[in-house]
Amino acid sequence: MATPIGNTGDISERALDVLAAADTVACEDSRVTGKLLHLLGIDATLLPYHEHNAAKQRPRLIERLQRGETVALVSDAGMPAVSDPGYKLVAACIEASIALTCVPGPSSVTTALALSGLPTDRFFFQGFLPSKSNARRNALAEIGAIPSTLVVMESAKRLAAMLDDAARVLGDRHAAVARELTKRFEEVRRGTLAELARHYAEAGAPKGEITVVIGPPGETARMGSNEIDALLRRELETTSLRDAAAAVAAASGWPKREVYRRALEISAETAAEPGREAT
């Protein structure tokens, strides 16, 4: 049987029982999990399973399971099958008709959502956004119109830039930046995207793992036509007409067709200006 077990820092009695009964413990970092098992007095075979070796290790784990062994999949933090290669092992077990269960542990996605103060009845988990600004803006434009709270992961060093891009693409929605959740230095900072972008640009990159929660489209007021025009002119300076219209539509809540029509008009006006060409 395969058993994914959540955050190794918060152990339930059920998780202890599973680890004690496991023949093999698949883990992100054997040093981290090995230290934990030593403290718990549990002796088990450790097998590294992470993003860089998952394709190689999965067949080995499946072979062990098919021989009747019990394998426990452990993550260093969070849920093993959420935003990591654990889900591929789960899929492989299902395909091989191997029984499996889950012992939930703390998850940054649901913990950040609960602490954000933003709507929780519907949310969309994006995972990590692209590292480059243009690609990141395109990704934000794609998810911006989803009528739900957005949850994204981000590295500390890119946090300020991502928040700035999000404010430009999504509008100045309410948001929360959570770090080191369920750990000693847990912190949640709330504000608008623009406020948070300014804070982290000035304060510098925070330490720890970062989860960002962004309010749904209704969190911003409908923009006026002058604001739409200003946003379009700014976006058209650096992006294509299509991408500019998509970004502004997502940020403003205006219909895409209407924003695209206005973008065409502005592009034509710009092209008619002396010494200027349409983007």
C-alpha atoms as a PDB file:
ATOM      1  CA  MET A   1       0.000   0.000   0.000  1.00  0.00           C
ATOM      2  CA  ALA A   2       1.206   3.513  -0.801  1.00  0.00           C
ATOM      3  CA  THR A   3       0.507   6.247   1.719  1.00  0.00           C
ATOM      4  CA  PRO A   4       1.269   9.946   1.107  1.00  0.00           C
ATOM      5  CA  ILE A   5       1.914  11.687   4.423  1.00  0.00           C
ATOM      6  CA  GLY A   6       1.841  15.459   4.867  1.00  0.00           C
ATOM      7  CA  ASN A   7       4.261  17.902   6.511  1.00  0.00           C
ATOM      8  CA  THR A   8       6.828  15.994   8.521  1.00  0.00           C
ATOM      9  CA  GLY A   9       6.904  18.754  11.145  1.00  0.00           C
ATOM     10  CA  ASP A  10       3.361  18.041  12.389  1.00  0.00           C
ATOM     11  CA  ILE A  11       2.893  14.342  13.080  1.00  0.00           C
ATOM     12  CA  SER A  12      -0.449  12.817  13.986  1.00  0.00           C
ATOM     13  CA  GLU A  13      -0.852   9.448  15.711  1.00  0.00           C
ATOM     14  CA  ARG A  14      -2.133   7.988  12.461  1.00  0.00           C
ATOM     15  CA  ALA A  15       0.953   9.225  10.604  1.00  0.00           C
ATOM     16  CA  LEU A  16       3.182   7.698  13.288  1.00  0.00           C
ATOM     17  CA  ASP A  17       1.459   4.346  12.851  1.00  0.00           C
ATOM     18  CA  VAL A  18       1.877   4.480   9.067  1.00  0.00           C
ATOM     19  CA  LEU A  19       5.559   5.379   9.255  1.00  0.00           C
ATOM     20  CA  ALA A  20       6.234   2.658  11.814  1.00  0.00           C
ATOM     21  CA  ALA A  21       4.593   0.066   9.557  1.00  0.00           C
ATOM     22  CA  ALA A  22       6.271   1.216   6.324  1.00  0.00           C
ATOM     23  CA  ASP A  23       8.894  -0.959   4.673  1.00  0.00           C
ATOM     24  CA  THR A  24      10.111   1.992   2.601  1.00  0.00           C
ATOM     25  CA  VAL A  25       9.745   5.734   3.126  1.00  0.00           C
ATOM     26  CA  ALA A  26      10.023   7.776  -0.068  1.00  0.00           C
ATOM     27  CA  CYS A  27      11.059  11.329   0.832  1.00  0.00           C
ATOM     28  CA  GLU A  28      12.259  14.607  -0.648  1.00  0.00           C
ATOM     29  CA  ASP A  29      15.389  14.841   1.477  1.00  0.00           C
ATOM     30  CA  SER A  30      16.623  11.770   3.368  1.00  0.00           C
ATOM     31  CA  ARG A  31      18.517  14.011   5.805  1.00  0.00           C
ATOM     32  CA  VAL A  32      15.326  15.797   6.858  1.00  0.00           C
ATOM     33  CA  THR A  33      13.142  12.695   7.066  1.00  0.00           C
ATOM     34  CA  GLY A  34      15.973  10.599   8.529  1.00  0.00           C
ATOM     35  CA  LYS A  35      16.358  13.045  11.409  1.00  0.00           C
ATOM     36  CA  LEU A  36      12.620  12.923  12.064  1.00  0.00           C
ATOM     37  CA  LEU A  37      12.443   9.130  12.042  1.00  0.00           C
ATOM     38  CA  HIS A  38      15.447   8.946  14.368  1.00  0.00           C
ATOM     39  CA  LEU A  39      13.710  11.268  16.857  1.00  0.00           C
ATOM     40  CA  LEU A  40      10.568   9.137  16.608  1.00  0.00           C
ATOM     41  CA  GLY A  41      12.508   5.913  17.087  1.00  0.00           C
ATOM     42  CA  ILE A  42      11.397   4.537  13.705  1.00  0.00           C
ATOM     43  CA  ASP A  43      13.693   2.421  11.547  1.00  0.00           C
ATOM     44  CA  ALA A  44      12.764   2.316   7.859  1.00  0.00           C
ATOM     45  CA  THR A  45      14.487   2.201   4.474  1.00  0.00           C
ATOM     46  CA  LEU A  46      14.658   5.713   3.003  1.00  0.00           C
ATOM     47  CA  LEU A  47      14.428   6.271  -0.735  1.00  0.00           C
ATOM     48  CA  PRO A  48      14.802   9.808  -2.165  1.00  0.00           C
ATOM     49  CA  TYR A  49      11.865  10.838  -4.361  1.00  0.00           C
ATOM     50  CA  HIS A  50      11.817  14.405  -5.675  1.00  0.00           C
ATOM     51  CA  GLU A  51      11.413  16.451  -8.835  1.00  0.00           C
ATOM     52  CA  HIS A  52      14.845  15.583 -10.225  1.00  0.00           C
ATOM     53  CA  ASN A  53      14.718  11.781  -9.820  1.00  0.00           C
ATOM     54  CA  ALA A  54      10.969  11.035  -9.816  1.00  0.00           C
ATOM     55  CA  ALA A  55      10.896   9.478 -13.297  1.00  0.00           C
ATOM     56  CA  LYS A  56      13.703   7.079 -12.338  1.00  0.00           C
ATOM     57  CA  GLN A  57      12.413   6.218  -8.885  1.00  0.00           C
ATOM     58  CA  ARG A  58       8.738   5.660  -9.676  1.00  0.00           C
ATOM     59  CA  PRO A  59       9.217   2.249 -11.362  1.00  0.00           C
ATOM     60  CA  ARG A  60      11.323   1.115  -8.397  1.00  0.00           C
ATOM     61  CA  LEU A  61       8.651   2.143  -5.933  1.00  0.00           C
ATOM     62  CA  ILE A  62       5.936   0.456  -7.988  1.00  0.00           C
ATOM     63  CA  GLU A  63       7.999  -2.762  -8.044  1.00  0.00           C
ATOM     64  CA  ARG A  64       8.287  -2.695  -4.250  1.00  0.00           C
ATOM     65  CA  LEU A  65       4.553  -2.133  -3.906  1.00  0.00           C
ATOM     66  CA  GLN A  66       3.766  -4.966  -6.293  1.00  0.00           C
ATOM     67  CA  ARG A  67       5.922  -7.259  -4.114  1.00  0.00           C
ATOM     68  CA  GLY A  68       3.601  -6.460  -1.229  1.00  0.00           C
ATOM     69  CA  GLU A  69       5.723  -3.854   0.550  1.00  0.00           C
ATOM     70  CA  THR A  70       4.218  -0.796   2.218  1.00  0.00           C
ATOM     71  CA  VAL A  71       5.587   2.513   0.944  1.00  0.00           C
ATOM     72  CA  ALA A  72       4.998   5.861   2.668  1.00  0.00           C
ATOM     73  CA  LEU A  73       5.566   9.034   0.623  1.00  0.00           C
ATOM     74  CA  VAL A  74       6.680  11.956   2.814  1.00  0.00           C
ATOM     75  CA  SER A  75       7.259  15.611   1.907  1.00  0.00           C
ATOM     76  CA  ASP A  76       9.534  18.045   3.705  1.00  0.00           C
ATOM     77  CA  ALA A  77       6.646  20.525   3.881  1.00  0.00           C
ATOM     78  CA  GLY A  78       3.043  20.625   2.738  1.00  0.00           C
ATOM     79  CA  MET A  79       1.071  17.885   1.004  1.00  0.00           C
ATOM     80  CA  PRO A  80       3.129  15.389  -1.051  1.00  0.00           C
ATOM     81  CA  ALA A  81       0.798  15.289  -4.041  1.00  0.00           C
ATOM     82  CA  VAL A  82       0.109  19.029  -4.285  1.00  0.00           C
ATOM     83  CA  SER A  83       2.484  20.995  -6.536  1.00  0.00           C
ATOM     84  CA  ASP A  84       5.137  18.260  -6.505  1.00  0.00           C
ATOM     85  CA  PRO A  85       5.833  14.947  -8.325  1.00  0.00           C
ATOM     86  CA  GLY A  86       3.917  12.974  -5.692  1.00  0.00           C
ATOM     87  CA  TYR A  87       0.785  13.124  -7.847  1.00  0.00           C
ATOM     88  CA  LYS A  88       2.563  11.137 -10.575  1.00  0.00           C
ATOM     89  CA  LEU A  89       3.305   8.361  -8.117  1.00  0.00           C
ATOM     90  CA  VAL A  90      -0.347   8.357  -7.054  1.00  0.00           C
ATOM     91  CA  ALA A  91      -1.374   8.106 -10.722  1.00  0.00           C
ATOM     92  CA  ALA A  92       1.082   5.237 -11.259  1.00  0.00           C
ATOM     93  CA  CYS A  93      -0.369   3.368  -8.278  1.00  0.00           C
ATOM     94  CA  ILE A  94      -3.896   3.808  -9.599  1.00  0.00           C
ATOM     95  CA  GLU A  95      -2.831   2.550 -13.028  1.00  0.00           C
ATOM     96  CA  ALA A  96      -1.211  -0.499 -11.411  1.00  0.00           C
ATOM     97  CA  SER A  97      -4.319  -1.149  -9.247  1.00  0.00           C
ATOM     98  CA  ILE A  98      -2.312  -0.600  -6.053  1.00  0.00           C
ATOM     99  CA  ALA A  99      -4.322   0.416  -2.990  1.00  0.00           C
ATOM    100  CA  LEU A 100      -3.400   3.764  -1.484  1.00  0.00           C
ATOM    101  CA  THR A 101      -4.625   6.233   1.120  1.00  0.00           C
ATOM    102  CA  CYS A 102      -3.633   9.653   2.430  1.00  0.00           C
ATOM    103  CA  VAL A 103      -2.727  10.989   5.862  1.00  0.00           C
ATOM    104  CA  PRO A 104      -3.257  14.764   5.445  1.00  0.00           C
ATOM    105  CA  GLY A 105      -0.787  17.258   6.788  1.00  0.00           C
ATOM    106  CA  PRO A 106      -0.657  21.079   6.771  1.00  0.00           C
ATOM    107  CA  SER A 107      -1.027  22.549   3.280  1.00  0.00           C
ATOM    108  CA  SER A 108       0.138  26.069   2.463  1.00  0.00           C
ATOM    109  CA  VAL A 109      -2.656  26.386  -0.104  1.00  0.00           C
ATOM    110  CA  THR A 110      -5.588  25.890   2.266  1.00  0.00           C
ATOM    111  CA  THR A 111      -3.814  27.446   5.268  1.00  0.00           C
ATOM    112  CA  ALA A 112      -3.013  30.661   3.376  1.00  0.00           C
ATOM    113  CA  LEU A 113      -6.541  30.747   1.992  1.00  0.00           C
ATOM    114  CA  ALA A 114      -8.049  30.399   5.468  1.00  0.00           C
ATOM    115  CA  LEU A 115      -5.826  33.156   6.903  1.00  0.00           C
ATOM    116  CA  SER A 116      -6.201  35.578   3.992  1.00  0.00           C
ATOM    117  CA  GLY A 117      -9.627  36.923   4.899  1.00  0.00           C
ATOM    118  CA  LEU A 118     -10.620  36.567   1.237  1.00  0.00           C
ATOM    119  CA  PRO A 119     -13.549  34.498  -0.128  1.00  0.00           C
ATOM    120  CA  THR A 120     -12.990  30.766   0.356  1.00  0.00           C
ATOM    121  CA  ASP A 121     -16.136  29.328  -1.214  1.00  0.00           C
ATOM    122  CA  ARG A 122     -14.380  29.059  -4.584  1.00  0.00           C
ATOM    123  CA  PHE A 123     -10.654  29.226  -5.298  1.00  0.00           C
ATOM    124  CA  PHE A 124      -8.228  28.426  -8.108  1.00  0.00           C
ATOM    125  CA  PHE A 125      -4.759  27.060  -7.351  1.00  0.00           C
ATOM    126  CA  GLN A 126      -2.238  28.162  -9.977  1.00  0.00           C
ATOM    127  CA  GLY A 127       1.012  26.870  -8.502  1.00  0.00           C
ATOM    128  CA  PHE A 128       4.125  28.757  -9.600  1.00  0.00           C
ATOM    129  CA  LEU A 129       3.832  31.469 -12.243  1.00  0.00           C
ATOM    130  CA  PRO A 130       6.480  31.847 -15.000  1.00  0.00           C
ATOM    131  CA  SER A 131       9.696  33.548 -13.890  1.00  0.00           C
ATOM    132  CA  LYS A 132       9.849  36.034 -16.800  1.00  0.00           C
ATOM    133  CA  SER A 133       7.635  39.127 -16.584  1.00  0.00           C
ATOM    134  CA  ASN A 134       5.991  38.890 -20.038  1.00  0.00           C
ATOM    135  CA  ALA A 135       5.151  35.208 -19.628  1.00  0.00           C
ATOM    136  CA  ARG A 136       3.975  35.860 -16.077  1.00  0.00           C
ATOM    137  CA  ARG A 137       1.651  38.650 -17.240  1.00  0.00           C
ATOM    138  CA  ASN A 138       0.212  36.403 -19.928  1.00  0.00           C
ATOM    139  CA  ALA A 139      -0.439  33.681 -17.346  1.00  0.00           C
ATOM    140  CA  LEU A 140      -2.086  36.192 -15.003  1.00  0.00           C
ATOM    141  CA  ALA A 141      -4.273  37.460 -17.849  1.00  0.00           C
ATOM    142  CA  GLU A 142      -5.414  33.891 -18.536  1.00  0.00           C
ATOM    143  CA  ILE A 143      -6.547  33.275 -14.963  1.00  0.00           C
ATOM    144  CA  GLY A 144      -7.590  36.835 -14.168  1.00  0.00           C
ATOM    145  CA  ALA A 145     -11.188  36.466 -15.293  1.00  0.00           C
ATOM    146  CA  ILE A 146     -11.807  33.305 -13.243  1.00  0.00           C
ATOM    147  CA  PRO A 147     -14.586  34.226 -10.766  1.00  0.00           C
ATOM    148  CA  SER A 148     -12.741  32.954  -7.719  1.00  0.00           C
ATOM    149  CA  THR A 149      -9.958  33.684  -5.282  1.00  0.00           C
ATOM    150  CA  LEU A 150      -6.539  32.873  -6.756  1.00  0.00           C
ATOM    151  CA  VAL A 151      -3.760  31.057  -4.882  1.00  0.00           C
ATOM    152  CA  VAL A 152      -0.230  31.111  -6.323  1.00  0.00           C
ATOM    153  CA  MET A 153       3.198  30.052  -5.148  1.00  0.00           C
ATOM    154  CA  GLU A 154       6.195  32.334  -5.601  1.00  0.00           C
ATOM    155  CA  SER A 155       9.869  32.480  -4.766  1.00  0.00           C
ATOM    156  CA  ALA A 156      10.909  35.184  -2.317  1.00  0.00           C
ATOM    157  CA  LYS A 157      13.274  36.881  -4.765  1.00  0.00           C
ATOM    158  CA  ARG A 158      10.540  37.288  -7.415  1.00  0.00           C
ATOM    159  CA  LEU A 159       7.751  38.258  -5.000  1.00  0.00           C
ATOM    160  CA  ALA A 160       7.837  42.057  -5.458  1.00  0.00           C
ATOM    161  CA  ALA A 161       8.006  41.797  -9.262  1.00  0.00           C
ATOM    162  CA  MET A 162       5.175  39.254  -9.349  1.00  0.00           C
ATOM    163  CA  LEU A 163       2.951  41.424  -7.140  1.00  0.00           C
ATOM    164  CA  ASP A 164       3.639  44.423  -9.375  1.00  0.00           C
ATOM    165  CA  ASP A 165       2.753  42.433 -12.498  1.00  0.00           C
ATOM    166  CA  ALA A 166      -0.389  41.140 -10.793  1.00  0.00           C
ATOM    167  CA  ALA A 167      -1.478  44.680  -9.893  1.00  0.00           C
ATOM    168  CA  ARG A 168      -0.977  45.818 -13.485  1.00  0.00           C
ATOM    169  CA  VAL A 169      -2.766  42.844 -15.034  1.00  0.00           C
ATOM    170  CA  LEU A 170      -5.488  42.065 -12.476  1.00  0.00           C
ATOM    171  CA  GLY A 171      -6.094  45.525 -11.082  1.00  0.00           C
ATOM    172  CA  ASP A 172      -5.471  46.521  -7.482  1.00  0.00           C
ATOM    173  CA  ARG A 173      -7.258  43.599  -5.853  1.00  0.00           C
ATOM    174  CA  HIS A 174      -7.004  42.734  -2.195  1.00  0.00           C
ATOM    175  CA  ALA A 175      -4.394  40.077  -1.476  1.00  0.00           C
ATOM    176  CA  ALA A 176      -2.426  38.341   1.251  1.00  0.00           C
ATOM    177  CA  VAL A 177       1.187  37.185   1.283  1.00  0.00           C
ATOM    178  CA  ALA A 178       1.799  34.250   3.617  1.00  0.00           C
ATOM    179  CA  ARG A 179       5.162  32.745   4.477  1.00  0.00           C
ATOM    180  CA  GLU A 180       6.481  29.938   6.667  1.00  0.00           C
ATOM    181  CA  LEU A 181       2.972  28.711   7.386  1.00  0.00           C
ATOM    182  CA  THR A 182       2.522  26.423  10.416  1.00  0.00           C
ATOM    183  CA  LYS A 183       6.166  27.097  11.335  1.00  0.00           C
ATOM    184  CA  ARG A 184       7.892  29.211  13.963  1.00  0.00           C
ATOM    185  CA  PHE A 185       8.169  32.403  11.885  1.00  0.00           C
ATOM    186  CA  GLU A 186       4.710  32.281  10.296  1.00  0.00           C
ATOM    187  CA  GLU A 187       3.654  35.655   8.894  1.00  0.00           C
ATOM    188  CA  VAL A 188       0.682  36.906   6.865  1.00  0.00           C
ATOM    189  CA  ARG A 189       0.700  40.405   5.365  1.00  0.00           C
ATOM    190  CA  ARG A 190      -2.522  41.728   3.872  1.00  0.00           C
ATOM    191  CA  GLY A 191      -3.245  44.684   1.587  1.00  0.00           C
ATOM    192  CA  THR A 192      -3.858  45.516  -2.029  1.00  0.00           C
ATOM    193  CA  LEU A 193      -1.539  44.098  -4.682  1.00  0.00           C
ATOM    194  CA  ALA A 194       0.019  47.523  -5.251  1.00  0.00           C
ATOM    195  CA  GLU A 195       0.554  48.080  -1.517  1.00  0.00           C
ATOM    196  CA  LEU A 196       2.158  44.686  -1.100  1.00  0.00           C
ATOM    197  CA  ALA A 197       4.346  45.201  -4.185  1.00  0.00           C
ATOM    198  CA  ARG A 198       5.637  48.501  -2.768  1.00  0.00           C
ATOM    199  CA  HIS A 199       6.268  46.966   0.649  1.00  0.00           C
ATOM    200  CA  TYR A 200       8.386  44.074  -0.626  1.00  0.00           C
ATOM    201  CA  ALA A 201      10.194  46.295  -3.149  1.00  0.00           C
ATOM    202  CA  GLU A 202      11.289  48.488  -0.238  1.00  0.00           C
ATOM    203  CA  ALA A 203      11.722  45.829   2.458  1.00  0.00           C
ATOM    204  CA  GLY A 204      13.423  43.290   0.209  1.00  0.00           C
ATOM    205  CA  ALA A 205      12.744  39.623  -0.315  1.00  0.00           C
ATOM    206  CA  PRO A 206      11.300  37.859   2.737  1.00  0.00           C
ATOM    207  CA  LYS A 207      12.667  34.552   3.984  1.00  0.00           C
ATOM    208  CA  GLY A 208      10.903  31.223   3.647  1.00  0.00           C
ATOM    209  CA  GLU A 209       8.301  29.673   1.375  1.00  0.00           C
ATOM    210  CA  ILE A 210       5.752  32.092  -0.054  1.00  0.00           C
ATOM    211  CA  THR A 211       2.052  31.599  -0.850  1.00  0.00           C
ATOM    212  CA  VAL A 212       0.058  34.505  -2.304  1.00  0.00           C
ATOM    213  CA  VAL A 213      -3.736  34.712  -2.167  1.00  0.00           C
ATOM    214  CA  ILE A 214      -5.447  37.185  -4.530  1.00  0.00           C
ATOM    215  CA  GLY A 215      -9.084  38.214  -4.304  1.00  0.00           C
ATOM    216  CA  PRO A 216     -11.572  37.481  -7.112  1.00  0.00           C
ATOM    217  CA  PRO A 217     -12.418  39.998  -9.891  1.00  0.00           C
ATOM    218  CA  GLY A 218     -15.149  41.585  -7.774  1.00  0.00           C
ATOM    219  CA  GLU A 219     -12.478  42.811  -5.372  1.00  0.00           C
ATOM    220  CA  THR A 220     -11.853  45.823  -7.669  1.00  0.00           C
ATOM    221  CA  ALA A 221     -14.306  48.492  -8.720  1.00  0.00           C
ATOM    222  CA  ARG A 222     -15.245  48.806 -12.381  1.00  0.00           C
ATOM    223  CA  MET A 223     -12.884  51.242 -14.088  1.00  0.00           C
ATOM    224  CA  GLY A 224     -14.005  54.236 -16.100  1.00  0.00           C
ATOM    225  CA  SER A 225     -13.294  54.647 -19.802  1.00  0.00           C
ATOM    226  CA  ASN A 226     -10.453  57.103 -19.163  1.00  0.00           C
ATOM    227  CA  GLU A 227      -8.741  54.582 -16.885  1.00  0.00           C
ATOM    228  CA  ILE A 228      -9.203  51.874 -19.515  1.00  0.00           C
ATOM    229  CA  ASP A 229      -7.618  54.084 -22.168  1.00  0.00           C
ATOM    230  CA  ALA A 230      -4.678  54.918 -19.889  1.00  0.00           C
ATOM    231  CA  LEU A 231      -4.077  51.252 -19.103  1.00  0.00           C
ATOM    232  CA  LEU A 232      -4.292  50.275 -22.765  1.00  0.00           C
ATOM    233  CA  ARG A 233      -1.830  52.979 -23.836  1.00  0.00           C
ATOM    234  CA  ARG A 234       0.634  51.816 -21.203  1.00  0.00           C
ATOM    235  CA  GLU A 235       0.292  48.136 -22.112  1.00  0.00           C
ATOM    236  CA  LEU A 236       0.515  48.837 -25.870  1.00  0.00           C
ATOM    237  CA  GLU A 237       3.958  50.357 -25.328  1.00  0.00           C
ATOM    238  CA  THR A 238       5.407  46.959 -24.399  1.00  0.00           C
ATOM    239  CA  THR A 239       3.001  44.238 -25.561  1.00  0.00           C
ATOM    240  CA  SER A 240       0.967  43.254 -28.600  1.00  0.00           C
ATOM    241  CA  LEU A 241      -2.538  44.593 -29.141  1.00  0.00           C
ATOM    242  CA  ARG A 242      -4.084  41.230 -28.324  1.00  0.00           C
ATOM    243  CA  ASP A 243      -2.098  40.757 -25.107  1.00  0.00           C
ATOM    244  CA  ALA A 244      -2.730  44.357 -24.020  1.00  0.00           C
ATOM    245  CA  ALA A 245      -6.473  43.969 -24.499  1.00  0.00           C
ATOM    246  CA  ALA A 246      -6.529  40.659 -22.614  1.00  0.00           C
ATOM    247  CA  ALA A 247      -4.554  42.083 -19.687  1.00  0.00           C
ATOM    248  CA  VAL A 248      -6.723  45.194 -19.380  1.00  0.00           C
ATOM    249  CA  ALA A 249      -9.957  43.208 -19.694  1.00  0.00           C
ATOM    250  CA  ALA A 250      -8.831  40.928 -16.848  1.00  0.00           C
ATOM    251  CA  ALA A 251      -7.778  43.876 -14.698  1.00  0.00           C
ATOM    252  CA  SER A 252     -10.852  46.004 -15.291  1.00  0.00           C
ATOM    253  CA  GLY A 253     -13.713  43.536 -15.524  1.00  0.00           C
ATOM    254  CA  TRP A 254     -14.799  45.088 -18.823  1.00  0.00           C
ATOM    255  CA  PRO A 255     -15.922  42.734 -21.642  1.00  0.00           C
ATOM    256  CA  LYS A 256     -12.980  41.508 -23.725  1.00  0.00           C
ATOM    257  CA  ARG A 257     -14.666  42.462 -27.001  1.00  0.00           C
ATOM    258  CA  GLU A 258     -15.230  46.028 -25.824  1.00  0.00           C
ATOM    259  CA  VAL A 259     -11.656  46.423 -24.575  1.00  0.00           C
ATOM    260  CA  TYR A 260     -10.259  44.913 -27.777  1.00  0.00           C
ATOM    261  CA  ARG A 261     -12.310  47.354 -29.879  1.00  0.00           C
ATOM    262  CA  ARG A 262     -10.954  50.287 -27.877  1.00  0.00           C
ATOM    263  CA  ALA A 263      -7.414  48.905 -28.194  1.00  0.00           C
ATOM    264  CA  LEU A 264      -7.812  48.862 -31.984  1.00  0.00           C
ATOM    265  CA  GLU A 265      -8.937  52.473 -31.929  1.00  0.00           C
ATOM    266  CA  ILE A 266      -6.038  53.574 -29.714  1.00  0.00           C
ATOM    267  CA  SER A 267      -3.568  51.617 -31.842  1.00  0.00           C
ATOM    268  CA  ALA A 268      -4.890  53.342 -34.972  1.00  0.00           C
ATOM    269  CA  GLU A 269      -4.678  56.748 -33.296  1.00  0.00           C
ATOM    270  CA  THR A 270      -1.122  56.046 -32.228  1.00  0.00           C
ATOM    271  CA  ALA A 271      -0.126  54.946 -35.726  1.00  0.00           C
ATOM    272  CA  ALA A 272      -1.526  58.199 -37.131  1.00  0.00           C
ATOM    273  CA  GLU A 273       0.666  60.306 -34.861  1.00  0.00           C
ATOM    274  CA  PRO A 274       3.814  61.717 -36.524  1.00  0.00           C
ATOM    275  CA  GLY A 275       6.806  59.451 -36.039  1.00  0.00           C
ATOM    276  CA  ARG A 276       4.779  56.690 -34.377  1.00  0.00           C
ATOM    277  CA  GLU A 277       3.859  53.197 -35.488  1.00  0.00           C
ATOM    278  CA  ALA A 278       1.196  50.843 -34.188  1.00  0.00           C
ATOM    279  CA  THR A 279       2.312  48.067 -31.881  1.00  0.00           C
END
